Amino acid sequence: MKVAVWDTYVKRSDGRIMHFDILVPSDTTESSVIAFGKAYLSSKEFVNADLSSRECNFCHIEKAPKEVIRRIVQTGFDILEIENCD
């Protein structure tokens, strides 16, 4: 499966910047990507700034590993946490 990688930076309430990638099937619309990002952020204990297309940008398409594909099939997306996501 080819997945689109959306590079995302969101300012946390403590001032730190979260960096994570949203991984979705390559034909997913931008509005769906933003909705997936918001769903992910709502699972966090700390308060986050709003997520919009300013914070989330298409980066590239790549072949996904089996575990990523499994999570995408289950939920429609996967998240790769990179920085300040805990």
N, C-alpha and C. Protein backbone atom coordinates (compact mmCIF):
# COMPACT_ATOMS: atom_id res chain seq x y z
N MET A 1 0.84 -1.18 0.00
CA MET A 1 0.00 0.00 0.00
C MET A 1 0.89 1.24 0.00
N LYS A 2 0.55 2.18 -0.86
CA LYS A 2 1.22 3.48 -0.88
C LYS A 2 0.48 4.41 0.08
N VAL A 3 1.22 5.09 0.94
CA VAL A 3 0.61 6.01 1.89
C VAL A 3 1.17 7.42 1.68
N ALA A 4 0.31 8.39 1.93
CA ALA A 4 0.73 9.78 1.93
C ALA A 4 1.17 10.14 3.33
N VAL A 5 2.27 10.86 3.41
CA VAL A 5 2.82 11.30 4.69
C VAL A 5 2.56 12.80 4.81
N TRP A 6 1.85 13.18 5.88
CA TRP A 6 1.52 14.58 6.13
C TRP A 6 2.32 15.03 7.36
N ASP A 7 3.25 15.92 7.14
CA ASP A 7 4.15 16.44 8.17
C ASP A 7 3.38 17.48 8.99
N THR A 8 3.33 17.28 10.31
CA THR A 8 2.45 18.10 11.15
C THR A 8 3.19 18.65 12.36
N TYR A 9 3.00 19.94 12.61
CA TYR A 9 3.59 20.64 13.76
C TYR A 9 2.46 21.38 14.47
N VAL A 10 2.28 21.11 15.78
CA VAL A 10 1.22 21.74 16.56
C VAL A 10 1.81 22.27 17.85
N LYS A 11 1.48 23.52 18.18
CA LYS A 11 1.94 24.11 19.43
C LYS A 11 1.09 23.59 20.59
N ARG A 12 1.78 23.09 21.61
CA ARG A 12 1.10 22.61 22.81
C ARG A 12 0.82 23.77 23.75
N SER A 13 -0.03 23.53 24.74
CA SER A 13 -0.37 24.58 25.71
C SER A 13 0.84 25.00 26.55
N ASP A 14 1.85 24.12 26.67
CA ASP A 14 3.04 24.47 27.44
C ASP A 14 4.11 25.17 26.58
N GLY A 15 3.75 25.48 25.33
CA GLY A 15 4.65 26.19 24.43
C GLY A 15 5.53 25.31 23.57
N ARG A 16 5.64 24.03 23.91
CA ARG A 16 6.46 23.12 23.11
C ARG A 16 5.74 22.81 21.80
N ILE A 17 6.50 22.45 20.79
CA ILE A 17 5.95 22.11 19.48
C ILE A 17 5.94 20.60 19.31
N MET A 18 4.75 20.06 19.08
CA MET A 18 4.62 18.64 18.75
C MET A 18 4.93 18.47 17.26
N HIS A 19 5.66 17.42 16.94
CA HIS A 19 5.93 17.08 15.54
C HIS A 19 5.54 15.63 15.36
N PHE A 20 4.63 15.39 14.42
CA PHE A 20 4.22 14.03 14.11
C PHE A 20 3.80 13.96 12.65
N ASP A 21 3.82 12.75 12.11
CA ASP A 21 3.35 12.52 10.74
C ASP A 21 2.02 11.78 10.79
N ILE A 22 1.11 12.19 9.93
CA ILE A 22 -0.15 11.49 9.75
C ILE A 22 0.00 10.67 8.48
N LEU A 23 -0.18 9.37 8.59
CA LEU A 23 -0.03 8.45 7.46
C LEU A 23 -1.41 7.97 7.03
N VAL A 24 -1.73 8.15 5.75
CA VAL A 24 -3.05 7.81 5.22
C VAL A 24 -2.92 7.21 3.84
N PRO A 25 -3.95 6.50 3.35
CA PRO A 25 -3.91 6.06 1.96
C PRO A 25 -3.69 7.26 1.04
N SER A 26 -3.00 7.05 -0.05
CA SER A 26 -2.57 8.16 -0.90
C SER A 26 -3.72 8.95 -1.51
N ASP A 27 -4.93 8.41 -1.54
CA ASP A 27 -6.07 9.12 -2.13
C ASP A 27 -6.94 9.84 -1.09
N THR A 28 -6.46 9.96 0.15
CA THR A 28 -7.22 10.60 1.22
C THR A 28 -7.25 12.12 1.02
N THR A 29 -8.42 12.72 1.25
CA THR A 29 -8.55 14.16 1.09
C THR A 29 -7.89 14.91 2.25
N GLU A 30 -7.52 16.15 1.99
CA GLU A 30 -6.89 16.97 3.03
C GLU A 30 -7.82 17.15 4.23
N SER A 31 -9.10 17.33 4.00
CA SER A 31 -10.03 17.52 5.12
C SER A 31 -10.10 16.27 5.99
N SER A 32 -9.99 15.10 5.40
CA SER A 32 -9.96 13.87 6.19
C SER A 32 -8.67 13.76 6.99
N VAL A 33 -7.56 14.16 6.40
CA VAL A 33 -6.28 14.14 7.11
C VAL A 33 -6.35 15.03 8.34
N ILE A 34 -6.92 16.23 8.19
CA ILE A 34 -7.06 17.16 9.31
C ILE A 34 -7.96 16.54 10.38
N ALA A 35 -9.03 15.89 9.99
CA ALA A 35 -9.93 15.23 10.95
C ALA A 35 -9.20 14.12 11.70
N PHE A 36 -8.38 13.34 11.00
CA PHE A 36 -7.61 12.29 11.66
C PHE A 36 -6.62 12.91 12.65
N GLY A 37 -5.97 14.00 12.26
CA GLY A 37 -5.04 14.68 13.16
C GLY A 37 -5.74 15.18 14.41
N LYS A 38 -6.93 15.74 14.25
CA LYS A 38 -7.70 16.22 15.40
C LYS A 38 -8.10 15.07 16.32
N ALA A 39 -8.46 13.93 15.73
CA ALA A 39 -8.81 12.76 16.54
C ALA A 39 -7.60 12.31 17.35
N TYR A 40 -6.44 12.28 16.73
CA TYR A 40 -5.21 11.92 17.44
C TYR A 40 -4.95 12.91 18.58
N LEU A 41 -5.03 14.20 18.30
CA LEU A 41 -4.76 15.21 19.33
C LEU A 41 -5.74 15.12 20.49
N SER A 42 -6.98 14.74 20.22
CA SER A 42 -7.96 14.63 21.30
C SER A 42 -7.64 13.49 22.25
N SER A 43 -6.77 12.57 21.84
CA SER A 43 -6.38 11.46 22.70
C SER A 43 -5.27 11.85 23.68
N LYS A 44 -4.72 13.04 23.51
CA LYS A 44 -3.62 13.49 24.36
C LYS A 44 -4.15 14.15 25.63
N GLU A 45 -3.40 14.01 26.72
CA GLU A 45 -3.81 14.56 28.02
C GLU A 45 -3.66 16.07 28.09
N PHE A 46 -2.70 16.62 27.39
CA PHE A 46 -2.46 18.06 27.45
C PHE A 46 -3.29 18.77 26.37
N VAL A 47 -3.57 20.02 26.62
CA VAL A 47 -4.37 20.81 25.69
C VAL A 47 -3.49 21.26 24.52
N ASN A 48 -4.03 21.18 23.33
CA ASN A 48 -3.30 21.55 22.12
C ASN A 48 -3.98 22.70 21.41
N ALA A 49 -3.21 23.39 20.61
CA ALA A 49 -3.77 24.40 19.72
C ALA A 49 -4.59 23.69 18.64
N ASP A 50 -5.39 24.46 17.94
CA ASP A 50 -6.20 23.89 16.86
C ASP A 50 -5.32 23.41 15.73
N LEU A 51 -5.79 22.43 15.00
CA LEU A 51 -5.07 21.88 13.86
C LEU A 51 -5.77 22.30 12.59
N SER A 52 -5.02 22.87 11.66
CA SER A 52 -5.57 23.27 10.36
C SER A 52 -4.53 22.96 9.29
N SER A 53 -4.83 23.35 8.07
CA SER A 53 -3.90 23.09 6.97
C SER A 53 -2.61 23.90 7.11
N ARG A 54 -2.58 24.90 7.99
CA ARG A 54 -1.34 25.65 8.23
C ARG A 54 -0.31 24.79 8.97
N GLU A 55 -0.77 23.89 9.82
CA GLU A 55 0.12 23.06 10.63
C GLU A 55 0.39 21.69 10.02
N CYS A 56 -0.36 21.33 9.02
CA CYS A 56 -0.30 19.98 8.46
C CYS A 56 -0.12 20.08 6.94
N ASN A 57 1.01 19.58 6.46
CA ASN A 57 1.33 19.70 5.03
C ASN A 57 1.72 18.37 4.43
N PHE A 58 1.23 18.14 3.20
CA PHE A 58 1.63 16.94 2.48
C PHE A 58 3.14 16.95 2.30
N CYS A 59 3.78 15.81 2.55
CA CYS A 59 5.23 15.71 2.44
C CYS A 59 5.63 14.82 1.26
N HIS A 60 5.19 13.55 1.28
CA HIS A 60 5.56 12.63 0.22
C HIS A 60 4.71 11.37 0.29
N ILE A 61 4.89 10.48 -0.69
CA ILE A 61 4.22 9.18 -0.72
C ILE A 61 5.30 8.12 -0.62
N GLU A 62 5.01 7.09 0.19
CA GLU A 62 5.96 5.99 0.33
C GLU A 62 5.21 4.68 0.51
N LYS A 63 5.92 3.58 0.37
CA LYS A 63 5.35 2.26 0.60
C LYS A 63 5.32 2.01 2.11
N ALA A 64 4.18 1.58 2.61
CA ALA A 64 4.01 1.39 4.06
C ALA A 64 4.40 -0.02 4.48
N PRO A 65 5.01 -0.14 5.68
CA PRO A 65 5.26 -1.46 6.25
C PRO A 65 3.95 -2.12 6.69
N LYS A 66 3.97 -3.41 6.89
CA LYS A 66 2.76 -4.18 7.23
C LYS A 66 2.04 -3.65 8.47
N GLU A 67 2.77 -3.28 9.51
CA GLU A 67 2.14 -2.81 10.75
C GLU A 67 1.40 -1.50 10.52
N VAL A 68 1.95 -0.62 9.73
CA VAL A 68 1.28 0.65 9.41
C VAL A 68 0.01 0.36 8.60
N ILE A 69 0.11 -0.53 7.64
CA ILE A 69 -1.06 -0.90 6.84
C ILE A 69 -2.16 -1.46 7.74
N ARG A 70 -1.80 -2.31 8.69
CA ARG A 70 -2.79 -2.89 9.60
C ARG A 70 -3.53 -1.79 10.37
N ARG A 71 -2.79 -0.81 10.89
CA ARG A 71 -3.43 0.27 11.65
C ARG A 71 -4.29 1.15 10.76
N ILE A 72 -3.83 1.39 9.53
CA ILE A 72 -4.63 2.19 8.59
C ILE A 72 -5.93 1.46 8.24
N VAL A 73 -5.86 0.18 8.04
CA VAL A 73 -7.06 -0.60 7.73
C VAL A 73 -8.04 -0.53 8.91
N GLN A 74 -7.54 -0.56 10.12
CA GLN A 74 -8.40 -0.52 11.32
C GLN A 74 -9.03 0.85 11.55
N THR A 75 -8.25 1.93 11.39
CA THR A 75 -8.73 3.26 11.80
C THR A 75 -8.80 4.29 10.68
N GLY A 76 -8.21 3.99 9.53
CA GLY A 76 -8.18 4.95 8.42
C GLY A 76 -6.90 5.75 8.36
N PHE A 77 -6.10 5.71 9.43
CA PHE A 77 -4.86 6.48 9.48
C PHE A 77 -3.90 5.86 10.50
N ASP A 78 -2.67 6.35 10.49
CA ASP A 78 -1.68 5.98 11.49
C ASP A 78 -0.89 7.24 11.82
N ILE A 79 -0.31 7.27 13.00
CA ILE A 79 0.48 8.42 13.44
C ILE A 79 1.89 7.96 13.74
N LEU A 80 2.85 8.70 13.23
CA LEU A 80 4.25 8.50 13.57
C LEU A 80 4.66 9.67 14.45
N GLU A 81 4.80 9.42 15.76
CA GLU A 81 5.19 10.47 16.70
C GLU A 81 6.68 10.73 16.56
N ILE A 82 7.05 11.99 16.39
CA ILE A 82 8.45 12.34 16.17
C ILE A 82 9.04 13.12 17.33
N GLU A 83 8.32 14.16 17.80
CA GLU A 83 8.90 15.00 18.84
C GLU A 83 7.80 15.63 19.70
N ASN A 84 8.02 15.62 21.04
CA ASN A 84 7.13 16.27 22.02
C ASN A 84 5.68 15.79 21.96
N CYS A 85 5.50 14.51 21.73
CA CYS A 85 4.14 13.95 21.62
C CYS A 85 3.68 13.29 22.93
N ASP A 86 4.54 13.23 23.93
CA ASP A 86 4.17 12.61 25.22
C ASP A 86 3.94 13.66 26.27
